[in-house]
Protein backbone atom coordinates (compact mmCIF):
# COMPACT_ATOMS: atom_id res chain seq x y z
CA MET A 1 -69.06 24.46 45.23
CA PHE A 2 -68.84 20.76 44.49
CA SER A 3 -70.70 18.58 47.00
CA LEU A 4 -69.40 15.36 48.49
CA ALA A 5 -72.85 13.82 48.02
CA ALA A 6 -72.86 11.00 45.45
CA CYS A 7 -75.63 9.31 43.53
CA ALA A 8 -75.83 6.05 41.63
CA GLY A 9 -76.27 5.60 37.89
CA ASN A 10 -76.07 3.00 35.14
CA PRO A 11 -72.73 2.62 33.29
CA GLU A 12 -72.57 2.09 29.56
CA ALA A 13 -70.80 -1.12 28.70
CA ASP A 14 -68.07 -0.21 26.22
CA ASP A 15 -66.83 3.26 27.16
CA LEU A 16 -64.15 3.00 29.87
CA ALA A 17 -66.83 2.16 32.39
CA PRO A 18 -65.99 1.64 36.07
CA GLN A 19 -65.36 -2.02 36.90
CA PRO A 20 -64.40 -3.90 40.06
CA PRO A 21 -60.66 -4.68 40.12
CA GLY A 22 -59.33 -8.20 39.74
CA PRO A 23 -57.57 -10.22 42.44
CA GLY A 24 -54.68 -8.33 43.98
CA GLU A 25 -55.86 -5.00 42.57
CA ALA A 26 -58.03 -3.85 45.46
CA LEU A 27 -58.20 -0.11 45.96
CA GLU A 28 -57.31 1.21 49.39
CA GLY A 29 -59.69 3.43 51.29
CA GLY A 30 -62.89 3.60 53.21
CA LYS A 31 -65.27 1.89 50.80
CA THR A 32 -65.39 -1.51 49.12
CA ASP A 33 -64.18 -1.96 45.55
CA ALA A 34 -67.69 -2.79 44.40
CA ILE A 35 -68.79 0.68 45.53
CA CYS A 36 -65.67 2.52 44.27
CA PRO A 37 -64.53 0.59 41.18
CA ILE A 38 -61.49 1.20 39.00
CA VAL A 39 -61.63 2.14 35.32
CA PRO A 40 -59.37 -0.10 33.18
CA ALA A 41 -57.94 2.25 30.55
CA GLY A 42 -55.03 -0.14 29.96
CA ILE A 43 -52.44 2.56 29.22
CA GLY A 44 -48.80 1.64 29.55
CA VAL A 45 -45.25 2.76 28.83
CA THR A 46 -44.67 2.06 25.13
CA THR A 47 -41.41 3.90 24.37
CA PRO A 48 -38.23 4.85 26.23
CA PRO A 49 -38.36 8.29 27.85
CA GLN A 50 -37.64 11.09 25.40
CA PHE A 51 -35.46 12.96 27.90
CA SER A 52 -33.42 11.90 30.90
CA CYS A 53 -35.73 10.56 33.59
CA GLY A 54 -34.62 11.58 37.05
CA PRO A 55 -35.94 10.06 40.29
CA MET A 56 -38.96 11.52 42.06
CA ASP A 57 -39.57 11.62 45.80
CA ALA A 58 -41.42 8.70 47.38
CA ALA A 59 -44.58 10.67 48.18
CA SER A 60 -44.99 11.80 44.56
CA ASN A 61 -44.42 8.28 43.28
CA LEU A 62 -47.14 7.00 45.62
CA LEU A 63 -49.60 9.60 44.35
CA MET A 64 -48.85 8.71 40.73
CA SER A 65 -49.17 5.02 41.55
CA ASP A 66 -52.69 5.54 42.84
CA VAL A 67 -53.68 7.42 39.69
CA ALA A 68 -52.27 4.62 37.53
CA ARG A 69 -53.88 1.93 39.69
CA PHE A 70 -57.28 3.60 39.36
CA TRP A 71 -56.97 3.47 35.57
CA ALA A 72 -55.39 -0.04 35.66
CA SER A 73 -52.42 1.41 33.81
CA GLU A 74 -48.69 2.03 34.05
CA VAL A 75 -47.17 5.48 33.52
CA GLY A 76 -43.59 6.59 34.13
CA LEU A 77 -43.06 9.61 36.41
CA CYS A 78 -39.83 11.50 35.73
CA ALA A 79 -38.01 14.40 37.32
CA CYS A 80 -36.89 16.76 34.57
CA GLY A 81 -33.17 16.67 33.93
CA PRO A 82 -30.80 19.24 32.39
CA ASP A 83 -31.74 18.13 28.88
CA TYR A 84 -35.44 18.87 29.37
CA PRO A 85 -36.36 21.84 27.15
CA ASP A 86 -38.81 23.56 29.55
CA ASP A 87 -38.86 24.73 33.15
CA CYS A 88 -40.41 22.06 35.41
CA SER A 89 -40.23 24.12 38.59
CA ALA A 90 -43.93 25.01 38.27
CA ASN A 91 -45.25 22.60 35.69
CA ALA A 92 -45.99 18.99 34.77
CA VAL A 93 -46.10 17.71 31.19
CA ALA A 94 -47.31 14.46 29.64
CA HIS A 95 -45.29 12.94 26.79
CA GLU A 96 -46.28 10.27 24.30
CA GLY A 97 -45.29 6.77 25.24
CA GLY A 98 -46.60 6.91 28.81
CA TRP A 99 -44.31 9.43 30.53
CA VAL A 100 -45.04 12.41 32.78
CA TYR A 101 -42.30 14.94 33.57
CA THR A 102 -42.35 17.32 36.53
CA SER A 103 -40.31 18.14 39.64
CA SER A 104 -40.55 16.94 43.20
CA ALA A 105 -40.30 20.55 44.41
CA PHE A 106 -43.36 21.54 42.36
CA LEU A 107 -45.52 18.72 43.72
CA GLN A 108 -44.28 19.36 47.24
CA ARG A 109 -45.38 23.00 46.95
CA LEU A 110 -48.83 21.83 45.87
CA ARG A 111 -48.99 19.66 49.00
CA ALA A 112 -47.86 22.48 51.31
CA SER A 113 -51.47 23.35 52.13
CA GLY A 114 -51.72 20.04 53.98
CA SER A 115 -53.71 18.33 51.24
CA ASP A 116 -52.38 15.80 48.71
CA MET A 117 -55.34 16.37 46.41
CA PRO A 118 -53.95 19.36 44.43
CA ALA A 119 -50.87 17.30 43.51
CA GLN A 120 -53.07 14.32 42.68
CA TYR A 121 -55.14 16.59 40.46
CA VAL A 122 -52.06 17.73 38.53
CA LEU A 123 -50.82 14.17 38.01
CA ALA A 124 -54.31 12.98 37.04
CA HIS A 125 -54.61 15.87 34.56
CA GLU A 126 -51.42 14.73 32.84
CA PHE A 127 -52.72 11.16 32.83
CA GLY A 128 -55.80 12.58 31.12
CA HIS A 129 -53.57 13.63 28.24
CA GLU A 130 -52.32 10.04 28.03
CA ILE A 131 -55.94 8.91 27.67
CA GLN A 132 -56.40 11.42 24.86
CA GLY A 133 -53.29 10.16 23.10
CA VAL A 134 -54.18 6.49 23.32
CA TYR A 135 -57.87 6.86 22.49
CA GLY A 136 -57.32 9.38 19.69
CA ILE A 137 -59.56 12.11 21.07
CA PRO A 138 -59.44 15.17 18.77
CA GLY A 139 -59.97 18.79 19.72
CA ILE A 140 -58.38 22.22 19.89
CA THR A 141 -55.84 22.87 22.63
CA GLN A 142 -58.22 24.53 25.08
CA VAL A 143 -60.79 21.74 24.73
CA LYS A 144 -58.09 19.12 25.29
CA GLU A 145 -56.89 20.90 28.43
CA LEU A 146 -60.40 21.21 29.83
CA GLN A 147 -61.07 17.57 28.95
CA ALA A 148 -57.88 16.56 30.78
CA ASP A 149 -59.25 18.49 33.76
CA CYS A 150 -62.42 16.42 33.48
CA TYR A 151 -60.46 13.15 33.45
CA ALA A 152 -58.57 14.39 36.49
CA GLY A 153 -61.88 15.08 38.19
CA TYR A 154 -63.04 11.58 37.27
CA TYR A 155 -60.12 10.11 39.21
CA LEU A 156 -60.66 12.56 42.08
CA GLY A 157 -64.23 11.30 42.26
CA SER A 158 -62.81 7.94 43.28
CA LEU A 159 -60.99 9.60 46.19
CA ILE A 160 -64.28 11.10 47.33
CA CYS A 161 -65.97 7.72 46.95
CA ARG A 162 -63.23 6.02 48.96
CA GLY A 163 -63.51 8.52 51.78
CA LEU A 164 -60.05 9.91 51.04
CA ALA A 165 -61.06 13.52 50.36
CA THR A 166 -62.66 16.20 52.48
CA GLN A 167 -64.53 19.30 51.36
CA GLN A 168 -61.38 21.27 52.26
CA ASP A 169 -59.33 19.03 49.93
CA ILE A 170 -61.77 19.77 47.11
CA VAL A 171 -61.66 23.51 47.72
CA ALA A 172 -57.83 23.48 47.68
CA THR A 173 -57.86 21.47 44.44
CA LEU A 174 -60.35 23.68 42.62
CA THR A 175 -58.32 26.71 43.71
CA THR A 176 -55.25 25.07 42.19
CA ALA A 177 -57.14 24.42 38.95
CA CYS A 178 -57.84 28.17 38.72
CA VAL A 179 -54.23 29.30 38.98
CA ILE A 180 -52.17 26.56 37.37
CA ALA A 181 -51.52 26.33 33.64
CA ASP A 182 -48.41 26.30 31.46
CA GLY A 183 -46.13 27.83 34.07
CA THR A 184 -45.36 30.66 31.62
CA GLY A 185 -46.62 33.48 33.83
CA ASP A 186 -48.63 34.74 30.87
CA PRO A 187 -52.27 34.92 32.04
CA ILE A 188 -53.60 35.68 28.55
CA GLY A 189 -51.72 32.79 26.97
CA ASP A 190 -52.75 30.47 29.77
CA LEU A 191 -56.41 31.41 29.30
CA ASP A 192 -56.09 30.68 25.59
CA THR A 193 -54.70 27.21 26.21
CA HIS A 194 -56.29 26.09 29.47
CA GLY A 195 -59.51 28.06 29.85
CA THR A 196 -60.84 30.40 32.49
CA CYS A 197 -61.05 29.66 36.19
CA GLU A 198 -64.76 28.99 35.83
CA GLN A 199 -64.23 26.63 32.89
CA ARG A 200 -61.54 24.66 34.69
CA VAL A 201 -63.50 24.31 37.91
CA SER A 202 -66.56 23.27 35.92
CA SER A 203 -64.57 20.62 34.04
CA VAL A 204 -63.04 19.12 37.19
CA ALA A 205 -66.45 19.04 38.89
CA LEU A 206 -67.96 17.45 35.77
CA GLY A 207 -65.48 14.60 36.02
CA MET A 208 -66.10 14.12 39.74
CA ARG A 209 -69.83 13.87 39.21
CA GLY A 210 -69.34 11.58 36.24
CA TYR A 211 -67.46 9.02 38.32
CA LEU A 212 -69.81 9.24 41.30
CA GLN A 213 -72.78 8.76 38.98
CA ARG A 214 -71.03 5.84 37.23
CA THR A 215 -71.08 7.52 33.83
CA PRO A 216 -68.38 5.92 31.64
CA ALA A 217 -65.27 8.10 31.50
CA LEU A 218 -65.22 9.00 27.80
CA ALA A 219 -68.91 9.88 27.86
CA ALA A 220 -68.61 11.89 31.09
CA CYS A 221 -65.80 14.01 29.61
CA ARG A 222 -67.11 14.38 26.06
CA LEU A 223 -66.89 18.19 25.92
């Protein structure tokens, strides 16, 4: 089980290292920005949405906003419309150009346990794919999915640092990581693309520790 205990480390200078935010960019939470810095990935919306972009509920937009703020980035969050080619009732998908498609109902189900963290994990995982796209990180599908889990964990580490996550939140999130994948209902196919429960939990925990130890993001998630 991942522990809430954190330790300090020395960041490398040029590898998406944690940095204090600028004026007006202060993170909310229980710790100061110097203790829980942001990581300026600088990712933004670069193209119009590929499919119709429906509105999301306010709570989901707030969760996505915190993910984007942590990475000092801008990403569009869209509800899948009738032209979207896949089922978004149990899935979220990142698209090139800075867009994430999902459904409010899906994220609301993830929050039904009383914790926002599983939904934050899903959104942060999709943001991890945006990092891969912008920074040109190669790899086979399963490695990319596990690496996106690590980037999600890196963001979740900031929630722990800010005092915004309990051990129960972490348990709920790691449980979600074990059961969520492509939304196909095909456990064999999902294992091929996303990894085993143990691999996913290990990747999320790796990212959490990486942030709390101040390891630069790309180095922390270099699988």
